[in-house]
């Protein structure tokens, strides 16, 4: 038991080091790319930002349709900025120009790349990995912002169809309902049109597709689950701009627990182990950027990061103090009707299933617990979730998926057998 645990820790540490080296190396490579073609495409993109503004709502009054062009503009400014530092240092400092007379990143974008303003301050944003630059910088060499939006749309639709096809192939079509509802709640059109909103959805789909592709191995190897969620936690930290990161844990773990845990104890233990693995990867990889970035750049990124974290977990926001209940209410109100509708549909499905002599297994309680994960996130990130509720509300997509997964997980009594996990998994995968 101890040797198995020690072996797993060694594997995770090795993966952590490999991911850190590869992630940093990729950033160095893209920061070595010429910025002139990027700047030309950013100039072409200015018109979109000028016409839409910082927080355009695709449907007036609907916050679930609100874009965050403020952050997207920041991402483009940073990607196209020509640093005076070497790529190795620029990759951890993540510099961008800021025009003293402007009050928004869209103003900075237009002034610097369209009006060619020469008087600017150089700001750094080193507390994030900014792993999205690995894709954004090469894309900006060829495409403008509008064209990149179209690429994101194609990628997301392609991944959704891939997930749907694999679920049908794995004879798990009942999970199409939770997947579809979760996607609708996230607002697909807003995801298509936002760089920062799309990162976590794409990573979640990739994670889900990997599990479905190699489901035979995931069915039989619980250590693989821990490795998977540790790596996903690291990648979440690498790509995310602090949007709705828990989705990369909640959706895949709900699916795995629903299919391959066969008692309440096993389900709860698996949830705890894999949540800890995800959290260790997420927090550890972030800390690695702060410490490693400080060493490489010779600047105190760590102190800046700690101050930012302290601010984001505080109960102080614009207008005074806010409570956990205030934050939950704020995020729920963005699209609370959809959550209530999902709850009602789930209850109806379960009641109908029970009347038809279906069986509700005790392990299903754990799936409902997964639906409470967003509340844990809001309890920790009070300040951030209050201010940015128009995108942090998407953490509730985990609740949507969990509720419907719980509902479709009921089983026929006459088909219920007491099998081992291995026998059950092999049977479901068509190996017997």
Protein backbone atom coordinates (compact mmCIF):
# COMPACT_ATOMS: atom_id res chain seq x y z
CA UNK A 1 0.00 0.00 0.00
CA UNK A 2 2.77 2.41 1.01
CA UNK A 3 4.90 1.43 -1.98
CA UNK A 4 1.91 1.96 -4.30
CA UNK A 5 1.30 5.41 -2.80
CA UNK A 6 5.00 6.25 -3.04
CA UNK A 7 5.10 5.08 -6.65
CA UNK A 8 2.11 7.26 -7.50
CA UNK A 9 3.68 10.32 -5.85
CA UNK A 10 6.88 9.78 -7.84
CA UNK A 11 4.88 9.55 -11.08
CA UNK A 12 2.97 12.73 -10.26
CA UNK A 13 6.13 14.64 -9.38
CA UNK A 14 7.79 13.48 -12.61
CA UNK A 15 4.75 14.56 -14.61
CA UNK A 16 4.73 17.89 -12.79
CA UNK A 17 8.35 18.55 -13.75
CA UNK A 18 7.80 17.45 -17.36
CA UNK A 19 4.69 19.62 -17.73
CA UNK A 20 6.49 22.59 -16.20
CA UNK A 21 9.50 22.27 -18.50
CA UNK A 22 7.39 21.65 -21.62
CA UNK A 23 4.94 24.44 -20.76
CA UNK A 24 7.69 26.98 -20.17
CA UNK A 25 9.60 25.85 -23.29
CA UNK A 26 6.53 26.26 -25.48
CA UNK A 27 6.00 29.78 -24.16
CA UNK A 28 9.64 30.62 -24.87
CA UNK A 29 9.22 29.36 -28.45
CA UNK A 30 6.11 31.44 -29.18
CA UNK A 31 7.66 34.51 -27.52
CA UNK A 32 10.52 34.14 -30.00
CA UNK A 33 8.13 34.53 -32.95
CA UNK A 34 8.24 37.83 -34.88
CA UNK A 35 5.54 40.19 -33.62
CA UNK A 36 5.10 42.31 -36.76
CA UNK A 37 2.52 40.00 -38.40
CA UNK A 38 0.74 39.72 -35.04
CA UNK A 39 0.58 43.50 -34.72
CA UNK A 40 -0.84 43.82 -38.25
CA UNK A 41 -3.63 41.39 -37.40
CA UNK A 42 -4.29 43.12 -34.08
CA UNK A 43 -4.69 46.40 -35.97
CA UNK A 44 -7.27 44.72 -38.19
CA UNK A 45 -9.06 43.57 -35.04
CA UNK A 46 -9.42 47.01 -33.48
CA UNK A 47 -12.68 47.73 -35.29
CA UNK A 48 -14.43 44.77 -33.62
CA UNK A 49 -13.44 45.96 -30.15
CA UNK A 50 -14.38 49.54 -30.90
CA UNK A 51 -17.83 48.56 -32.15
CA UNK A 52 -18.61 46.00 -29.43
CA UNK A 53 -17.05 47.70 -26.41
CA UNK A 54 -15.67 46.01 -23.30
CA UNK A 55 -18.71 44.06 -22.09
CA UNK A 56 -21.03 43.60 -25.03
CA UNK A 57 -24.22 41.61 -24.34
CA UNK A 58 -25.31 39.50 -27.31
CA UNK A 59 -28.84 39.64 -25.90
CA UNK A 60 -29.55 42.89 -24.07
CA UNK A 61 -30.06 42.35 -20.36
CA UNK A 62 -28.91 38.71 -20.43
CA UNK A 63 -25.66 38.41 -18.46
CA UNK A 64 -25.06 34.85 -19.61
CA UNK A 65 -24.58 36.32 -23.10
CA UNK A 66 -22.15 39.01 -21.94
CA UNK A 67 -18.69 38.94 -23.48
CA UNK A 68 -15.47 39.99 -21.79
CA UNK A 69 -13.78 41.91 -24.59
CA UNK A 70 -11.84 43.78 -21.92
CA UNK A 71 -9.84 40.62 -21.18
CA UNK A 72 -9.69 39.47 -24.81
CA UNK A 73 -8.18 42.84 -25.75
CA UNK A 74 -5.63 42.42 -22.97
CA UNK A 75 -4.73 38.97 -24.34
CA UNK A 76 -4.16 40.39 -27.82
CA UNK A 77 -2.17 43.36 -26.52
CA UNK A 78 0.11 41.05 -24.60
CA UNK A 79 0.48 38.60 -27.50
CA UNK A 80 1.56 41.26 -30.01
CA UNK A 81 3.80 43.31 -27.71
CA UNK A 82 7.51 43.39 -28.57
CA UNK A 83 9.44 42.99 -25.35
CA UNK A 84 12.97 44.27 -24.79
CA UNK A 85 13.74 41.10 -22.85
CA UNK A 86 14.84 37.76 -24.19
CA UNK A 87 12.07 35.20 -24.92
CA UNK A 88 13.04 33.27 -21.77
CA UNK A 89 12.34 36.29 -19.57
CA UNK A 90 9.45 37.71 -21.62
CA UNK A 91 7.66 34.35 -21.33
CA UNK A 92 7.38 34.75 -17.55
CA UNK A 93 6.93 38.54 -17.30
CA UNK A 94 4.06 38.62 -19.84
CA UNK A 95 4.42 42.34 -20.56
CA UNK A 96 1.95 44.66 -22.21
CA UNK A 97 1.77 48.40 -22.94
CA UNK A 98 -0.59 50.64 -20.98
CA UNK A 99 -1.43 54.15 -22.14
CA UNK A 100 -1.69 56.53 -19.13
CA UNK A 101 -4.57 58.48 -20.69
CA UNK A 102 -6.69 55.37 -21.38
CA UNK A 103 -9.00 53.69 -18.88
CA UNK A 104 -9.56 50.33 -20.58
CA UNK A 105 -7.58 47.68 -22.43
CA UNK A 106 -9.62 48.39 -25.55
CA UNK A 107 -8.44 52.00 -25.38
CA UNK A 108 -4.86 50.76 -24.92
CA UNK A 109 -5.26 48.42 -27.88
CA UNK A 110 -6.52 51.11 -30.23
CA UNK A 111 -4.07 53.79 -29.06
CA UNK A 112 -1.00 51.56 -29.26
CA UNK A 113 -1.69 49.48 -32.38
CA UNK A 114 -3.85 51.85 -34.44
CA UNK A 115 -2.89 55.37 -33.34
CA UNK A 116 0.78 54.43 -32.79
CA UNK A 117 1.02 56.26 -29.47
CA UNK A 118 4.62 56.22 -28.27
CA UNK A 119 4.17 57.29 -24.65
CA UNK A 120 3.19 54.24 -22.64
CA UNK A 121 3.96 52.32 -19.49
CA UNK A 122 5.04 48.69 -19.66
CA UNK A 123 3.08 46.53 -17.24
CA UNK A 124 3.74 42.90 -16.33
CA UNK A 125 1.20 40.16 -15.63
CA UNK A 126 3.44 37.41 -14.38
CA UNK A 127 1.14 35.79 -11.83
CA UNK A 128 -0.64 33.80 -14.57
CA UNK A 129 0.98 31.25 -16.86
CA UNK A 130 -0.82 32.68 -19.93
CA UNK A 131 -0.55 29.27 -21.58
CA UNK A 132 -3.16 30.31 -24.14
CA UNK A 133 -0.35 32.29 -25.81
CA UNK A 134 1.01 28.96 -27.09
CA UNK A 135 -1.96 28.95 -29.49
CA UNK A 136 -2.86 32.64 -29.68
CA UNK A 137 0.52 33.96 -30.85
CA UNK A 138 0.85 31.55 -33.82
CA UNK A 139 -2.78 32.15 -34.77
CA UNK A 140 -2.26 35.93 -34.68
CA UNK A 141 0.61 35.54 -37.12
CA UNK A 142 -1.99 34.50 -39.71
CA UNK A 143 -5.46 35.51 -38.53
CA UNK A 144 -7.19 38.52 -37.00
CA UNK A 145 -9.50 38.40 -33.98
CA UNK A 146 -12.67 37.85 -35.99
CA UNK A 147 -11.14 34.93 -37.86
CA UNK A 148 -9.84 33.42 -34.61
CA UNK A 149 -13.38 33.54 -33.26
CA UNK A 150 -14.48 31.44 -36.25
CA UNK A 151 -11.69 28.95 -35.58
CA UNK A 152 -12.75 28.67 -31.92
CA UNK A 153 -16.32 28.01 -33.07
CA UNK A 154 -15.21 25.21 -35.38
CA UNK A 155 -12.95 23.67 -32.72
CA UNK A 156 -15.67 23.65 -30.06
CA UNK A 157 -18.33 22.23 -32.37
CA UNK A 158 -15.86 19.59 -33.58
CA UNK A 159 -15.01 18.56 -30.03
CA UNK A 160 -18.69 18.39 -29.06
CA UNK A 161 -19.46 16.13 -32.03
CA UNK A 162 -16.46 13.99 -31.16
CA UNK A 163 -17.71 13.60 -27.57
CA UNK A 164 -21.22 12.79 -28.80
CA UNK A 165 -19.90 10.18 -31.23
CA UNK A 166 -17.78 8.51 -28.56
CA UNK A 167 -20.67 8.43 -26.06
CA UNK A 168 -22.84 6.70 -28.64
CA UNK A 169 -20.00 4.31 -29.55
CA UNK A 170 -19.46 3.46 -25.88
CA UNK A 171 -23.20 2.77 -25.49
CA UNK A 172 -23.47 5.69 -23.07
CA UNK A 173 -25.96 7.77 -25.02
CA UNK A 174 -27.88 8.56 -21.82
CA UNK A 175 -25.12 11.04 -20.96
CA UNK A 176 -25.96 13.12 -24.02
CA UNK A 177 -28.67 14.92 -22.05
CA UNK A 178 -26.31 16.14 -19.27
CA UNK A 179 -23.70 17.10 -21.88
CA UNK A 180 -26.18 19.07 -24.00
CA UNK A 181 -27.73 20.85 -21.01
CA UNK A 182 -24.31 21.79 -19.65
CA UNK A 183 -23.29 23.24 -23.03
CA UNK A 184 -26.52 25.23 -23.37
CA UNK A 185 -26.11 26.65 -19.86
CA UNK A 186 -22.59 27.85 -20.72
CA UNK A 187 -24.10 29.75 -23.68
CA UNK A 188 -22.33 28.32 -26.78
CA UNK A 189 -22.47 31.58 -28.77
CA UNK A 190 -20.71 33.50 -26.00
CA UNK A 191 -18.05 30.78 -25.88
CA UNK A 192 -17.54 30.98 -29.65
CA UNK A 193 -16.93 34.72 -29.45
CA UNK A 194 -14.66 34.89 -26.41
CA UNK A 195 -11.04 33.81 -26.11
CA UNK A 196 -11.02 33.66 -22.35
CA UNK A 197 -14.41 31.94 -21.96
CA UNK A 198 -13.54 29.15 -24.40
CA UNK A 199 -10.33 27.90 -22.75
CA UNK A 200 -11.91 25.89 -19.93
CA UNK A 201 -14.70 24.49 -22.09
CA UNK A 202 -12.21 23.23 -24.67
CA UNK A 203 -9.97 21.71 -21.99
CA UNK A 204 -12.98 20.01 -20.37
CA UNK A 205 -14.04 18.50 -23.69
CA UNK A 206 -10.50 17.31 -24.42
CA UNK A 207 -10.34 15.71 -20.97
CA UNK A 208 -13.73 14.06 -21.50
CA UNK A 209 -12.76 12.79 -24.96
CA UNK A 210 -9.50 11.30 -23.64
CA UNK A 211 -11.48 9.37 -21.01
CA UNK A 212 -13.97 8.13 -23.61
CA UNK A 213 -11.20 7.17 -26.06
CA UNK A 214 -9.25 5.12 -23.52
CA UNK A 215 -12.25 4.08 -21.44
CA UNK A 216 -11.12 0.47 -21.17
CA UNK A 217 -8.05 1.56 -19.26
CA UNK A 218 -9.93 4.09 -17.11
CA UNK A 219 -12.46 1.40 -16.23
CA UNK A 220 -9.78 -0.83 -14.74
CA UNK A 221 -7.08 1.50 -13.42
CA UNK A 222 -7.98 3.87 -10.58
CA UNK A 223 -4.42 5.20 -10.39
CA UNK A 224 -4.90 6.45 -13.94
CA UNK A 225 -7.79 8.59 -12.67
CA UNK A 226 -5.50 10.30 -10.16
CA UNK A 227 -2.83 10.91 -12.81
CA UNK A 228 -5.46 12.23 -15.22
CA UNK A 229 -6.94 14.76 -12.81
CA UNK A 230 -3.53 15.85 -11.57
CA UNK A 231 -2.47 16.61 -15.15
CA UNK A 232 -5.79 18.36 -15.90
CA UNK A 233 -5.34 20.46 -12.75
CA UNK A 234 -1.92 21.54 -14.00
CA UNK A 235 -3.27 22.34 -17.48
CA UNK A 236 -6.17 24.27 -15.99
CA UNK A 237 -3.70 26.49 -14.14
CA UNK A 238 -1.62 26.80 -17.31
CA UNK A 239 -4.42 27.93 -19.65
CA UNK A 240 -7.01 29.56 -17.39
CA UNK A 241 -7.45 33.26 -16.67
CA UNK A 242 -9.42 32.49 -13.49
CA UNK A 243 -12.78 32.03 -15.20
CA UNK A 244 -14.64 28.84 -14.21
CA UNK A 245 -11.79 26.32 -13.66
CA UNK A 246 -13.69 23.73 -11.58
CA UNK A 247 -15.52 22.56 -14.69
CA UNK A 248 -12.41 20.62 -15.73
CA UNK A 249 -12.80 18.57 -12.55
CA UNK A 250 -16.57 18.37 -12.13
CA UNK A 251 -17.70 17.11 -15.54
CA UNK A 252 -15.23 14.23 -16.06
CA UNK A 253 -15.35 13.02 -12.43
CA UNK A 254 -19.17 12.95 -12.45
CA UNK A 255 -19.09 10.73 -15.54
CA UNK A 256 -16.46 8.36 -14.12
CA UNK A 257 -18.14 8.01 -10.73
CA UNK A 258 -21.50 7.40 -12.38
CA UNK A 259 -20.17 4.54 -14.50
CA UNK A 260 -17.39 2.90 -12.54
CA UNK A 261 -18.02 3.31 -8.81
CA UNK A 262 -20.42 0.72 -7.44
CA UNK A 263 -20.94 1.63 -3.83
CA UNK A 264 -21.22 4.82 -1.80
CA UNK A 265 -17.91 4.35 0.03
CA UNK A 266 -15.97 3.69 -3.17
CA UNK A 267 -17.60 6.71 -4.82
CA UNK A 268 -16.83 9.13 -1.99
CA UNK A 269 -13.23 7.96 -1.64
CA UNK A 270 -12.69 8.29 -5.39
CA UNK A 271 -14.17 11.79 -5.39
CA UNK A 272 -11.90 12.90 -2.54
CA UNK A 273 -8.74 11.36 -4.03
CA UNK A 274 -9.23 12.78 -7.49
CA UNK A 275 -10.34 16.19 -6.23
CA UNK A 276 -7.18 16.38 -4.13
CA UNK A 277 -5.12 15.33 -7.17
CA UNK A 278 -6.75 18.04 -9.30
CA UNK A 279 -6.28 20.65 -6.56
CA UNK A 280 -2.63 19.70 -6.06
CA UNK A 281 -1.97 20.07 -9.78
CA UNK A 282 -3.89 23.35 -10.02
CA UNK A 283 -2.35 25.05 -6.97
CA UNK A 284 1.09 23.50 -7.43
CA UNK A 285 1.44 24.56 -11.06
CA UNK A 286 0.37 28.08 -10.23
CA UNK A 287 2.93 28.24 -7.40
CA UNK A 288 5.59 26.92 -9.78
CA UNK A 289 4.97 29.90 -12.08
CA UNK A 290 5.27 32.36 -9.21
CA UNK A 291 8.46 30.90 -7.84
CA UNK A 292 10.09 29.93 -11.13
CA UNK A 293 9.06 33.18 -12.78
CA UNK A 294 10.55 35.20 -9.92
CA UNK A 295 13.86 33.35 -10.26
CA UNK A 296 14.04 33.59 -14.05
CA UNK A 297 12.98 37.25 -14.33
CA UNK A 298 14.67 38.56 -11.19
CA UNK A 299 11.40 40.25 -10.20
CA UNK A 300 9.16 39.47 -7.24
CA UNK A 301 6.23 37.80 -9.01
CA UNK A 302 5.50 35.75 -5.89
CA UNK A 303 4.68 38.78 -3.73
CA UNK A 304 2.42 40.26 -6.40
CA UNK A 305 0.62 36.91 -6.75
CA UNK A 306 0.11 36.48 -3.00
CA UNK A 307 -1.38 40.00 -2.78
CA UNK A 308 -3.72 39.24 -5.68
CA UNK A 309 -4.84 35.96 -4.10
CA UNK A 310 -5.44 37.68 -0.78
CA UNK A 311 -7.61 40.24 -2.55
CA UNK A 312 -9.59 37.65 -4.53
CA UNK A 313 -10.46 35.56 -1.46
CA UNK A 314 -11.43 38.57 0.65
CA UNK A 315 -15.01 39.54 1.48
CA UNK A 316 -14.45 43.12 0.36
CA UNK A 317 -15.63 44.24 -3.07
CA UNK A 318 -16.77 47.40 -4.80
CA UNK A 319 -19.38 49.00 -2.58
CA UNK A 320 -18.34 47.33 0.67
CA UNK A 321 -18.40 43.90 2.29
CA UNK A 322 -20.08 40.91 0.63
CA UNK A 323 -21.02 37.54 2.11
CA UNK A 324 -20.89 34.03 0.72
CA UNK A 325 -24.68 34.08 0.35
CA UNK A 326 -24.48 37.33 -1.62
CA UNK A 327 -22.02 35.74 -4.03
CA UNK A 328 -24.10 32.59 -4.53
CA UNK A 329 -27.22 34.69 -5.13
CA UNK A 330 -25.37 36.95 -7.57
CA UNK A 331 -24.10 34.01 -9.65
CA UNK A 332 -27.36 32.06 -9.43
CA UNK A 333 -29.38 35.03 -10.67
CA UNK A 334 -27.51 35.12 -13.98
CA UNK A 335 -29.47 32.06 -15.19
CA UNK A 336 -31.22 30.64 -12.16
CA UNK A 337 -34.31 29.69 -14.18
CA UNK A 338 -32.23 27.18 -16.14
CA UNK A 339 -30.92 25.61 -12.92
CA UNK A 340 -34.45 25.32 -11.52
CA UNK A 341 -35.72 23.82 -14.77
CA UNK A 342 -32.89 21.27 -14.70
CA UNK A 343 -33.70 20.39 -11.09
CA UNK A 344 -37.38 19.86 -11.92
CA UNK A 345 -36.57 17.74 -14.99
CA UNK A 346 -34.14 15.63 -12.93
CA UNK A 347 -36.75 15.01 -10.23
CA UNK A 348 -39.37 14.06 -12.85
CA UNK A 349 -36.95 11.62 -14.52
CA UNK A 350 -36.09 9.98 -11.21
CA UNK A 351 -39.73 9.68 -10.11
CA UNK A 352 -40.76 8.17 -13.46
CA UNK A 353 -37.83 5.76 -13.32
CA UNK A 354 -38.71 4.61 -9.80
CA UNK A 355 -42.35 4.06 -10.81
CA UNK A 356 -41.09 1.88 -13.66
CA UNK A 357 -39.25 -0.38 -11.19
CA UNK A 358 -35.86 1.21 -11.63
CA UNK A 359 -33.25 1.24 -8.83
CA UNK A 360 -31.56 4.32 -7.36
CA UNK A 361 -28.13 3.30 -6.08
CA UNK A 362 -26.58 4.86 -2.93
CA UNK A 363 -23.49 5.91 -4.91
CA UNK A 364 -25.66 8.48 -6.69
CA UNK A 365 -25.46 10.67 -3.59
CA UNK A 366 -21.84 11.38 -4.47
CA UNK A 367 -22.87 12.67 -7.90
CA UNK A 368 -25.15 15.14 -6.17
CA UNK A 369 -22.22 16.21 -3.98
CA UNK A 370 -20.30 17.05 -7.16
CA UNK A 371 -23.12 19.43 -7.98
CA UNK A 372 -22.22 21.39 -4.84
CA UNK A 373 -18.62 22.02 -5.97
CA UNK A 374 -19.44 25.53 -7.30
CA UNK A 375 -20.51 26.55 -3.79
CA UNK A 376 -17.05 25.61 -2.53
CA UNK A 377 -15.46 27.75 -5.23
CA UNK A 378 -17.66 30.75 -4.41
CA UNK A 379 -16.90 30.33 -0.69
CA UNK A 380 -13.16 30.61 -1.37
CA UNK A 381 -13.14 33.27 -4.14
CA UNK A 382 -15.71 35.65 -2.68
CA UNK A 383 -14.29 38.90 -4.07
CA UNK A 384 -13.55 37.50 -7.53
CA UNK A 385 -16.87 35.66 -7.91
CA UNK A 386 -18.81 38.74 -6.83
CA UNK A 387 -17.13 41.12 -9.26
CA UNK A 388 -16.95 38.72 -12.22
CA UNK A 389 -20.26 36.94 -11.73
CA UNK A 390 -21.10 37.34 -15.44
CA UNK A 391 -18.64 34.55 -16.18
CA UNK A 392 -18.03 32.82 -12.82
CA UNK A 393 -21.71 31.78 -12.90
CA UNK A 394 -20.57 29.11 -15.37
CA UNK A 395 -19.27 27.05 -12.45
CA UNK A 396 -22.93 26.09 -11.99
CA UNK A 397 -22.64 24.12 -15.25
CA UNK A 398 -21.18 21.41 -12.98
CA UNK A 399 -24.45 21.42 -11.04
CA UNK A 400 -26.44 21.10 -14.28
CA UNK A 401 -24.35 18.14 -15.43
CA UNK A 402 -24.39 16.46 -12.01
CA UNK A 403 -28.16 16.76 -11.57
CA UNK A 404 -28.93 15.21 -14.94
CA UNK A 405 -26.21 12.57 -14.57
CA UNK A 406 -27.81 11.63 -11.27
CA UNK A 407 -31.19 11.40 -12.99
CA UNK A 408 -30.05 9.19 -15.87
CA UNK A 409 -27.96 6.92 -13.62
CA UNK A 410 -30.91 4.96 -12.27
CA UNK A 411 -30.78 1.27 -13.22
CA UNK A 412 -33.29 -1.46 -13.88
CA UNK A 413 -33.78 -3.67 -10.82
CA UNK A 414 -33.97 -6.84 -12.87
CA UNK A 415 -30.69 -6.01 -14.59
CA UNK A 416 -28.81 -5.14 -11.40
CA UNK A 417 -26.08 -7.61 -10.50
CA UNK A 418 -23.51 -7.59 -7.75
CA UNK A 419 -20.35 -7.63 -9.82
CA UNK A 420 -16.82 -6.54 -9.19
CA UNK A 421 -15.68 -3.26 -10.70
CA UNK A 422 -13.57 -5.13 -13.24
CA UNK A 423 -16.40 -7.42 -14.36
CA UNK A 424 -18.83 -4.53 -14.58
CA UNK A 425 -16.45 -2.37 -16.59
CA UNK A 426 -15.56 -5.17 -19.01
CA UNK A 427 -19.23 -5.97 -19.54
CA UNK A 428 -20.16 -2.36 -20.30
CA UNK A 429 -17.26 -2.04 -22.71
CA UNK A 430 -18.33 -5.11 -24.63
CA UNK A 431 -15.38 -7.24 -23.64
CA UNK A 432 -17.50 -10.17 -22.38
